[in-house]
Amino acid sequence: MTDFVSPPPLPGPTPLAVARRRLECLACERMTAHVPGPATLGKDGEVLVRWWACAECREAHTPG
């Protein structure tokens, strides 16, 4: 008799990768969906500011 072992599940996307927030876009001047953008890191590598990019106009980054 052969025992079948399932492979470990593949890692899913991180919560930040699928995150969306409704923030005020400074370029659109309205509340729009934003997706994670670049981050400002400290000397120790810790995230100091997470910037969010407007999903509609992509012109502005909003700290969040």
N, C-alpha and C. Protein backbone atom coordinates (compact mmCIF):
# COMPACT_ATOMS: atom_id res chain seq x y z
N MET A 1 0.86 -1.17 0.00
CA MET A 1 0.00 0.00 0.00
C MET A 1 0.90 1.24 0.00
N THR A 2 0.56 2.20 -0.84
CA THR A 2 1.34 3.42 -0.95
C THR A 2 0.58 4.56 -0.27
N ASP A 3 1.30 5.28 0.56
CA ASP A 3 0.71 6.46 1.20
C ASP A 3 0.98 7.66 0.32
N PHE A 4 -0.05 8.37 -0.03
CA PHE A 4 0.10 9.57 -0.83
C PHE A 4 0.14 10.78 0.10
N VAL A 5 1.12 11.60 -0.12
CA VAL A 5 1.27 12.80 0.70
C VAL A 5 1.02 14.01 -0.19
N SER A 6 0.13 14.85 0.24
CA SER A 6 -0.15 16.06 -0.52
C SER A 6 1.01 17.03 -0.36
N PRO A 7 1.36 17.72 -1.44
CA PRO A 7 2.41 18.73 -1.31
C PRO A 7 1.90 19.89 -0.45
N PRO A 8 2.81 20.61 0.18
CA PRO A 8 2.35 21.75 0.98
C PRO A 8 1.68 22.79 0.09
N PRO A 9 0.70 23.48 0.62
CA PRO A 9 0.01 24.49 -0.21
C PRO A 9 0.96 25.62 -0.58
N LEU A 10 0.74 26.17 -1.75
CA LEU A 10 1.54 27.30 -2.19
C LEU A 10 1.16 28.52 -1.38
N PRO A 11 2.14 29.35 -1.05
CA PRO A 11 1.80 30.54 -0.27
C PRO A 11 0.93 31.49 -1.08
N GLY A 12 -0.07 32.02 -0.45
CA GLY A 12 -0.96 32.96 -1.11
C GLY A 12 -0.39 34.36 -1.06
N PRO A 13 -1.09 35.29 -1.64
CA PRO A 13 -0.62 36.67 -1.59
C PRO A 13 -0.67 37.20 -0.17
N THR A 14 0.22 38.10 0.13
CA THR A 14 0.23 38.71 1.46
C THR A 14 -0.98 39.63 1.60
N PRO A 15 -1.41 39.90 2.83
CA PRO A 15 -2.55 40.80 3.00
C PRO A 15 -2.31 42.17 2.36
N LEU A 16 -1.07 42.67 2.41
CA LEU A 16 -0.79 43.97 1.83
C LEU A 16 -0.90 43.93 0.31
N ALA A 17 -0.56 42.78 -0.29
CA ALA A 17 -0.61 42.67 -1.75
C ALA A 17 -2.03 42.76 -2.28
N VAL A 18 -3.01 42.34 -1.50
CA VAL A 18 -4.40 42.38 -1.95
C VAL A 18 -5.18 43.52 -1.31
N ALA A 19 -4.48 44.32 -0.55
CA ALA A 19 -5.13 45.42 0.17
C ALA A 19 -5.60 46.51 -0.79
N ARG A 20 -6.70 47.08 -0.45
CA ARG A 20 -7.22 48.26 -1.15
C ARG A 20 -7.84 49.13 -0.07
N ARG A 21 -7.62 50.41 -0.20
CA ARG A 21 -8.20 51.36 0.75
C ARG A 21 -8.88 52.47 -0.02
N ARG A 22 -9.91 53.01 0.58
CA ARG A 22 -10.53 54.19 0.00
C ARG A 22 -9.94 55.39 0.73
N LEU A 23 -9.17 56.18 0.00
CA LEU A 23 -8.52 57.35 0.56
C LEU A 23 -8.84 58.55 -0.32
N GLU A 24 -8.63 59.73 0.25
CA GLU A 24 -8.83 60.94 -0.55
C GLU A 24 -7.62 61.13 -1.47
N CYS A 25 -7.87 61.13 -2.77
CA CYS A 25 -6.81 61.34 -3.75
C CYS A 25 -6.62 62.84 -3.93
N LEU A 26 -5.38 63.29 -3.75
CA LEU A 26 -5.11 64.72 -3.87
C LEU A 26 -5.21 65.18 -5.32
N ALA A 27 -4.94 64.30 -6.28
CA ALA A 27 -5.05 64.67 -7.70
C ALA A 27 -6.50 64.65 -8.17
N CYS A 28 -7.25 63.61 -7.78
CA CYS A 28 -8.67 63.48 -8.19
C CYS A 28 -9.58 64.39 -7.36
N GLU A 29 -9.13 64.72 -6.15
CA GLU A 29 -9.93 65.48 -5.19
C GLU A 29 -11.23 64.78 -4.82
N ARG A 30 -11.16 63.44 -4.69
CA ARG A 30 -12.32 62.66 -4.26
C ARG A 30 -11.83 61.37 -3.62
N MET A 31 -12.74 60.66 -2.97
CA MET A 31 -12.40 59.38 -2.35
C MET A 31 -12.34 58.32 -3.44
N THR A 32 -11.20 57.67 -3.57
CA THR A 32 -11.02 56.63 -4.59
C THR A 32 -10.30 55.44 -3.97
N ALA A 33 -10.34 54.32 -4.68
CA ALA A 33 -9.61 53.13 -4.25
C ALA A 33 -8.12 53.37 -4.45
N HIS A 34 -7.33 52.98 -3.48
CA HIS A 34 -5.88 53.10 -3.54
C HIS A 34 -5.27 51.72 -3.31
N VAL A 35 -4.13 51.47 -3.93
CA VAL A 35 -3.39 50.23 -3.77
C VAL A 35 -2.02 50.56 -3.18
N PRO A 36 -1.38 49.60 -2.51
CA PRO A 36 -0.07 49.88 -1.92
C PRO A 36 0.94 50.35 -2.96
N GLY A 37 1.66 51.39 -2.62
CA GLY A 37 2.70 51.91 -3.48
C GLY A 37 4.05 51.75 -2.79
N PRO A 38 4.98 52.63 -3.06
CA PRO A 38 6.31 52.51 -2.44
C PRO A 38 6.26 52.79 -0.94
N ALA A 39 7.30 52.35 -0.26
CA ALA A 39 7.41 52.57 1.18
C ALA A 39 8.69 53.32 1.47
N THR A 40 8.64 54.15 2.50
CA THR A 40 9.83 54.82 3.00
C THR A 40 10.33 54.01 4.18
N LEU A 41 11.58 53.52 4.09
CA LEU A 41 12.14 52.65 5.11
C LEU A 41 13.13 53.40 5.98
N GLY A 42 13.19 53.02 7.26
CA GLY A 42 14.18 53.57 8.17
C GLY A 42 15.51 52.85 8.00
N LYS A 43 16.51 53.29 8.72
CA LYS A 43 17.85 52.69 8.64
C LYS A 43 17.85 51.22 9.02
N ASP A 44 16.93 50.83 9.90
CA ASP A 44 16.85 49.44 10.34
C ASP A 44 15.97 48.59 9.42
N GLY A 45 15.45 49.17 8.35
CA GLY A 45 14.61 48.44 7.40
C GLY A 45 13.13 48.45 7.74
N GLU A 46 12.77 49.06 8.84
CA GLU A 46 11.37 49.12 9.25
C GLU A 46 10.63 50.15 8.40
N VAL A 47 9.38 49.85 8.06
CA VAL A 47 8.57 50.77 7.25
C VAL A 47 8.20 51.98 8.09
N LEU A 48 8.59 53.17 7.61
CA LEU A 48 8.23 54.41 8.29
C LEU A 48 6.93 54.97 7.74
N VAL A 49 6.81 54.99 6.43
CA VAL A 49 5.60 55.49 5.76
C VAL A 49 5.27 54.55 4.61
N ARG A 50 4.01 54.13 4.54
CA ARG A 50 3.53 53.34 3.40
C ARG A 50 2.74 54.29 2.52
N TRP A 51 3.15 54.42 1.28
CA TRP A 51 2.45 55.28 0.33
C TRP A 51 1.44 54.44 -0.42
N TRP A 52 0.30 55.05 -0.72
CA TRP A 52 -0.77 54.37 -1.44
C TRP A 52 -1.00 55.11 -2.75
N ALA A 53 -1.11 54.36 -3.84
CA ALA A 53 -1.30 54.95 -5.17
C ALA A 53 -2.77 54.88 -5.55
N CYS A 54 -3.27 55.95 -6.13
CA CYS A 54 -4.66 55.99 -6.59
C CYS A 54 -4.83 54.96 -7.70
N ALA A 55 -5.82 54.10 -7.57
CA ALA A 55 -6.07 53.07 -8.58
C ALA A 55 -6.77 53.63 -9.81
N GLU A 56 -7.27 54.86 -9.71
CA GLU A 56 -8.00 55.43 -10.84
C GLU A 56 -7.14 56.37 -11.67
N CYS A 57 -6.33 57.22 -11.03
CA CYS A 57 -5.56 58.18 -11.83
C CYS A 57 -4.06 57.90 -11.80
N ARG A 58 -3.58 57.21 -10.79
CA ARG A 58 -2.16 56.88 -10.64
C ARG A 58 -1.24 58.10 -10.63
N GLU A 59 -1.79 59.29 -10.42
CA GLU A 59 -0.96 60.50 -10.42
C GLU A 59 -0.44 60.83 -9.03
N ALA A 60 -1.19 60.49 -8.02
CA ALA A 60 -0.82 60.92 -6.67
C ALA A 60 -0.55 59.72 -5.78
N HIS A 61 0.34 59.91 -4.83
CA HIS A 61 0.58 58.94 -3.78
C HIS A 61 0.16 59.58 -2.46
N THR A 62 -0.56 58.82 -1.66
CA THR A 62 -1.08 59.32 -0.39
C THR A 62 -0.47 58.51 0.74
N PRO A 63 0.06 59.16 1.78
CA PRO A 63 0.56 58.38 2.91
C PRO A 63 -0.60 57.77 3.66
N GLY A 64 -0.43 56.57 4.16
CA GLY A 64 -1.51 55.93 4.87
C GLY A 64 -1.04 54.96 5.91
